[in-house]
Amino acid sequence: MQSISNKYKVKFIKNKTLVISGKGDSPLWDNAEILDQFVSPWNSETIPEIKFRSLWDGTTLFFCFTVFDSLVHINKKDDTVYSINESDRVELFFRKNENLNPYYCLEIDASARIMDFKAHPNKEFDFNWNWPENGLEVQSFISDDYFTVEGAISIDSLKELDLVQNGRIETGIFRAKYSKKEGKNGYEPTWITWINPNTNSPNFHISDSFGVLLLMSKTDEDDECTIETISTTEANRIFAEIVK
């Protein structure tokens, strides 16, 4: 069995050089590590490829999902959480620590609709809560055989929620795929995760489903520097401010 790391390195780029379009087509994304080790432990079917990438520039955490899927399902009844909850989507959960009290959830469907909520243990959800104002931007793009969800989260909003801990952000990364099942009415979900929580049934809302995003203070030494890559001195200065 392939070993899956529970840590992802978020590389540093020059401030205000990445503009999200929903397509994830900026050359800057070539600097990011690709996370593609996703599993569905509760389903025996092969999981189509998912690629997650993340970068940061000192003020913003960027993320991009590329999800290979030729049958994207979007419930278009309305724009409520009920419709988003029954649509193909990607998900990011953030926590301060393993107590999950509270933790914060961003669930974004293929059309860039956002279901953001605060949660407490035992699936106690507060859908009246919203991500801090002006702290989140999301765009998406749907192609014939894949969709992308690209987002920008302000570091200030993450700090406001006390989610940046010594350059680490404890994060769950997930995907929900809704499919028509033969002989059944409606659509049923397949639950896909970066970290296997080792549960008998699907459950992302537990401590064991989280990994860690590591905010890097400089580019890897063996990477070739480009004009978009911030200097090591400047990166270290900003990193020191973030982790105070």
Protein backbone atom coordinates (compact mmCIF):
# COMPACT_ATOMS: atom_id res chain seq x y z
CA MET A 1 0.00 0.00 0.00
CA GLN A 2 1.23 3.49 -0.87
CA SER A 3 2.20 5.60 2.11
CA ILE A 4 0.40 8.95 2.28
CA SER A 5 2.07 11.85 4.05
CA ASN A 6 -0.04 13.98 6.36
CA LYS A 7 1.98 17.13 5.60
CA TYR A 8 1.91 19.40 2.56
CA LYS A 9 4.48 22.14 1.90
CA VAL A 10 2.93 25.45 0.83
CA LYS A 11 5.61 27.26 -1.16
CA PHE A 12 6.19 31.00 -0.97
CA ILE A 13 5.73 33.33 -3.96
CA LYS A 14 6.17 37.04 -4.47
CA ASN A 15 3.35 39.12 -3.01
CA LYS A 16 0.42 40.09 -5.24
CA THR A 17 1.60 38.15 -8.30
CA LEU A 18 -1.06 35.43 -8.35
CA VAL A 19 -4.52 36.41 -9.56
CA ILE A 20 -7.12 33.65 -9.46
CA SER A 21 -9.31 33.07 -12.52
CA GLY A 22 -10.97 29.77 -11.63
CA LYS A 23 -8.95 27.92 -14.25
CA GLY A 24 -5.77 27.41 -12.23
CA ASP A 25 -3.78 28.38 -15.32
CA SER A 26 -1.31 30.87 -13.86
CA PRO A 27 2.33 29.80 -14.47
CA LEU A 28 2.90 30.42 -10.76
CA TRP A 29 1.06 27.18 -10.01
CA ASP A 30 4.03 25.34 -11.53
CA ASN A 31 5.91 26.27 -8.33
CA ALA A 32 3.43 24.38 -6.13
CA GLU A 33 3.71 20.82 -4.94
CA ILE A 34 0.98 18.55 -6.30
CA LEU A 35 -1.05 16.57 -3.80
CA ASP A 36 -2.85 13.75 -5.61
CA GLN A 37 -2.96 11.01 -2.97
CA PHE A 38 -6.71 10.95 -2.38
CA VAL A 39 -8.63 7.87 -1.28
CA SER A 40 -12.15 6.69 -0.60
CA PRO A 41 -11.68 3.97 2.04
CA TRP A 42 -15.41 3.18 2.09
CA ASN A 43 -15.74 2.59 -1.65
CA SER A 44 -14.14 -0.09 -3.81
CA GLU A 45 -14.46 1.85 -7.07
CA THR A 46 -11.46 3.57 -8.65
CA ILE A 47 -11.28 7.26 -7.75
CA PRO A 48 -10.72 9.60 -10.71
CA GLU A 49 -7.67 11.82 -10.33
CA ILE A 50 -7.76 14.87 -8.07
CA LYS A 51 -4.91 17.37 -7.84
CA PHE A 52 -4.61 19.87 -5.00
CA ARG A 53 -2.09 22.71 -5.01
CA SER A 54 -1.43 25.57 -2.62
CA LEU A 55 0.82 28.64 -2.48
CA TRP A 56 1.10 31.67 -0.23
CA ASP A 57 2.59 35.16 -0.52
CA GLY A 58 2.65 36.43 3.06
CA THR A 59 -0.85 37.94 2.94
CA THR A 60 -2.87 35.26 1.13
CA LEU A 61 -3.16 31.49 1.11
CA PHE A 62 -4.05 30.28 -2.38
CA PHE A 63 -5.50 26.89 -3.25
CA CYS A 64 -6.48 25.11 -6.44
CA PHE A 65 -8.33 21.84 -6.95
CA THR A 66 -8.31 20.15 -10.35
CA VAL A 67 -10.92 17.39 -10.32
CA PHE A 68 -11.12 15.02 -13.28
CA ASP A 69 -14.80 14.29 -13.86
CA SER A 70 -16.84 14.16 -17.07
CA LEU A 71 -20.19 13.90 -15.25
CA VAL A 72 -20.28 16.86 -12.88
CA HIS A 73 -23.48 17.03 -10.85
CA ILE A 74 -24.78 20.39 -9.63
CA ASN A 75 -28.14 20.70 -7.87
CA LYS A 76 -29.52 23.91 -9.36
CA LYS A 77 -32.79 24.07 -7.46
CA ASP A 78 -31.57 27.15 -5.56
CA ASP A 79 -28.44 28.51 -3.91
CA THR A 80 -29.15 27.27 -0.39
CA VAL A 81 -26.85 25.02 1.61
CA TYR A 82 -29.21 22.15 0.77
CA SER A 83 -28.47 22.45 -2.96
CA ILE A 84 -24.74 22.88 -2.42
CA ASN A 85 -24.79 19.88 -0.10
CA GLU A 86 -26.20 17.74 -2.93
CA SER A 87 -23.64 18.88 -5.54
CA ASP A 88 -20.15 17.80 -6.53
CA ARG A 89 -17.79 19.83 -4.40
CA VAL A 90 -14.40 20.17 -2.77
CA GLU A 91 -13.88 20.86 0.91
CA LEU A 92 -11.34 22.44 3.24
CA PHE A 93 -11.67 22.10 7.02
CA PHE A 94 -9.46 24.11 9.36
CA ARG A 95 -8.87 23.60 13.07
CA LYS A 96 -6.81 25.19 15.82
CA ASN A 97 -6.05 21.84 17.44
CA GLU A 98 -7.25 18.26 17.66
CA ASN A 99 -10.06 19.19 20.07
CA LEU A 100 -12.08 20.51 17.11
CA ASN A 101 -13.77 23.01 19.36
CA PRO A 102 -14.45 24.76 17.13
CA TYR A 103 -13.30 24.04 13.57
CA TYR A 104 -14.24 25.81 10.36
CA CYS A 105 -15.49 24.36 7.09
CA LEU A 106 -15.44 25.59 3.51
CA GLU A 107 -17.38 23.41 1.07
CA ILE A 108 -17.33 24.72 -2.51
CA ASP A 109 -19.21 23.20 -5.41
CA ALA A 110 -18.13 23.07 -9.05
CA SER A 111 -19.97 26.33 -9.78
CA ALA A 112 -18.09 28.15 -6.96
CA ARG A 113 -21.03 28.31 -4.55
CA ILE A 114 -19.73 28.34 -0.98
CA MET A 115 -21.13 26.56 2.05
CA ASP A 116 -19.14 27.95 4.97
CA PHE A 117 -19.93 27.04 8.55
CA LYS A 118 -18.49 26.70 12.02
CA ALA A 119 -18.56 23.28 13.65
CA HIS A 120 -18.05 21.63 17.01
CA PRO A 121 -17.52 17.96 17.92
CA ASN A 122 -20.21 15.41 17.12
CA LYS A 123 -21.25 17.26 13.95
CA GLU A 124 -22.68 20.30 15.67
CA PHE A 125 -22.89 22.74 12.75
CA ASP A 126 -23.62 26.47 12.74
CA PHE A 127 -24.75 27.48 9.24
CA ASN A 128 -25.46 31.04 10.39
CA TRP A 129 -21.72 31.61 10.69
CA ASN A 130 -19.72 32.95 7.75
CA TRP A 131 -16.04 33.20 6.94
CA PRO A 132 -14.65 36.62 8.01
CA GLU A 133 -15.73 39.37 5.64
CA ASN A 134 -13.42 39.98 2.67
CA GLY A 135 -11.31 37.03 3.74
CA LEU A 136 -12.24 34.61 0.97
CA GLU A 137 -12.47 34.68 -2.82
CA VAL A 138 -13.39 31.68 -4.98
CA GLN A 139 -13.61 31.12 -8.74
CA SER A 140 -14.31 27.93 -10.71
CA PHE A 141 -14.27 26.52 -14.23
CA ILE A 142 -15.99 23.47 -15.70
CA SER A 143 -14.55 21.69 -18.75
CA ASP A 144 -15.70 18.57 -20.59
CA ASP A 145 -13.64 16.20 -18.46
CA TYR A 146 -12.62 18.15 -15.37
CA PHE A 147 -13.44 21.13 -13.20
CA THR A 148 -11.23 23.47 -11.20
CA VAL A 149 -11.91 25.40 -8.01
CA GLU A 150 -9.40 28.13 -7.26
CA GLY A 151 -9.45 30.23 -4.11
CA ALA A 152 -7.68 32.89 -2.07
CA ILE A 153 -7.93 33.06 1.73
CA SER A 154 -6.46 36.04 3.55
CA ILE A 155 -3.85 35.24 6.17
CA ASP A 156 -5.53 37.87 8.38
CA SER A 157 -8.78 35.88 8.36
CA LEU A 158 -6.93 32.69 9.27
CA LYS A 159 -5.15 34.50 12.10
CA GLU A 160 -8.44 36.01 13.26
CA LEU A 161 -9.72 32.46 13.71
CA ASP A 162 -6.44 31.44 15.40
CA LEU A 163 -5.69 28.87 12.70
CA VAL A 164 -2.04 29.72 11.97
CA GLN A 165 0.12 27.97 14.57
CA ASN A 166 3.89 28.44 14.15
CA GLY A 167 3.66 28.37 10.38
CA ARG A 168 1.30 25.38 10.39
CA ILE A 169 -2.36 25.22 9.41
CA GLU A 170 -4.11 21.99 10.42
CA THR A 171 -6.33 21.18 7.47
CA GLY A 172 -8.64 18.51 6.12
CA ILE A 173 -8.87 18.26 2.32
CA PHE A 174 -11.84 16.42 0.86
CA ARG A 175 -14.09 15.86 -2.14
CA ALA A 176 -17.72 14.80 -2.45
CA LYS A 177 -18.79 13.17 -5.72
CA TYR A 178 -22.50 12.72 -6.44
CA SER A 179 -23.45 9.98 -8.92
CA LYS A 180 -26.57 8.38 -10.27
CA LYS A 181 -26.71 4.79 -9.01
CA GLU A 182 -28.33 2.05 -11.05
CA GLY A 183 -31.70 1.03 -9.69
CA LYS A 184 -31.87 3.94 -7.24
CA ASN A 185 -33.59 7.29 -7.30
CA GLY A 186 -31.59 10.46 -6.99
CA TYR A 187 -27.85 10.85 -6.54
CA GLU A 188 -25.63 9.29 -3.92
CA PRO A 189 -22.28 10.59 -2.64
CA THR A 190 -18.83 9.08 -2.78
CA TRP A 191 -16.65 10.56 -0.03
CA ILE A 192 -13.00 11.17 -0.86
CA THR A 193 -10.25 12.30 1.50
CA TRP A 194 -6.55 13.15 1.68
CA ILE A 195 -6.11 11.50 5.09
CA ASN A 196 -7.77 8.18 5.83
CA PRO A 197 -9.53 8.59 9.21
CA ASN A 198 -9.87 4.79 9.54
CA THR A 199 -13.57 4.82 10.29
CA ASN A 200 -16.12 2.14 9.41
CA SER A 201 -18.32 4.66 7.62
CA PRO A 202 -17.51 8.02 5.98
CA ASN A 203 -16.75 10.74 8.52
CA PHE A 204 -14.57 13.78 7.88
CA HIS A 205 -15.63 15.46 11.12
CA ILE A 206 -13.12 13.81 13.41
CA SER A 207 -9.59 14.63 14.44
CA ASP A 208 -7.96 11.82 12.45
CA SER A 209 -9.11 13.25 9.10
CA PHE A 210 -6.78 16.28 9.28
CA GLY A 211 -3.31 16.83 7.91
CA VAL A 212 -1.02 19.88 8.08
CA LEU A 213 -0.24 22.67 5.62
CA LEU A 214 3.33 23.88 6.23
CA LEU A 215 3.89 27.52 5.27
CA MET A 216 7.38 27.56 3.82
CA SER A 217 9.58 30.56 4.57
CA LYS A 218 11.69 30.22 1.43
CA THR A 219 11.86 28.26 -1.81
CA ASP A 220 13.44 24.83 -1.72
CA GLU A 221 17.20 25.12 -2.12
CA ASP A 222 17.25 22.80 -5.12
CA ASP A 223 14.57 24.78 -6.98
CA GLU A 224 15.62 27.20 -9.68
CA CYS A 225 14.70 30.76 -8.71
CA THR A 226 12.40 32.67 -11.05
CA ILE A 227 11.35 36.29 -11.26
CA GLU A 228 8.08 35.41 -9.49
CA THR A 229 9.83 33.82 -6.51
CA ILE A 230 10.46 36.07 -3.55
CA SER A 231 13.96 36.42 -2.13
CA THR A 232 14.91 34.23 0.81
CA THR A 233 15.61 37.25 3.02
CA GLU A 234 12.22 38.82 2.34
CA ALA A 235 10.41 35.50 2.75
CA ASN A 236 12.04 34.88 6.11
CA ARG A 237 11.14 38.38 7.30
CA ILE A 238 7.45 37.96 6.42
CA PHE A 239 7.38 34.42 7.79
CA ALA A 240 8.74 35.70 11.14
CA GLU A 241 5.87 38.20 11.29
CA ILE A 242 3.25 35.55 10.53
CA VAL A 243 4.34 33.12 13.24
CA LYS A 244 4.59 35.69 16.04
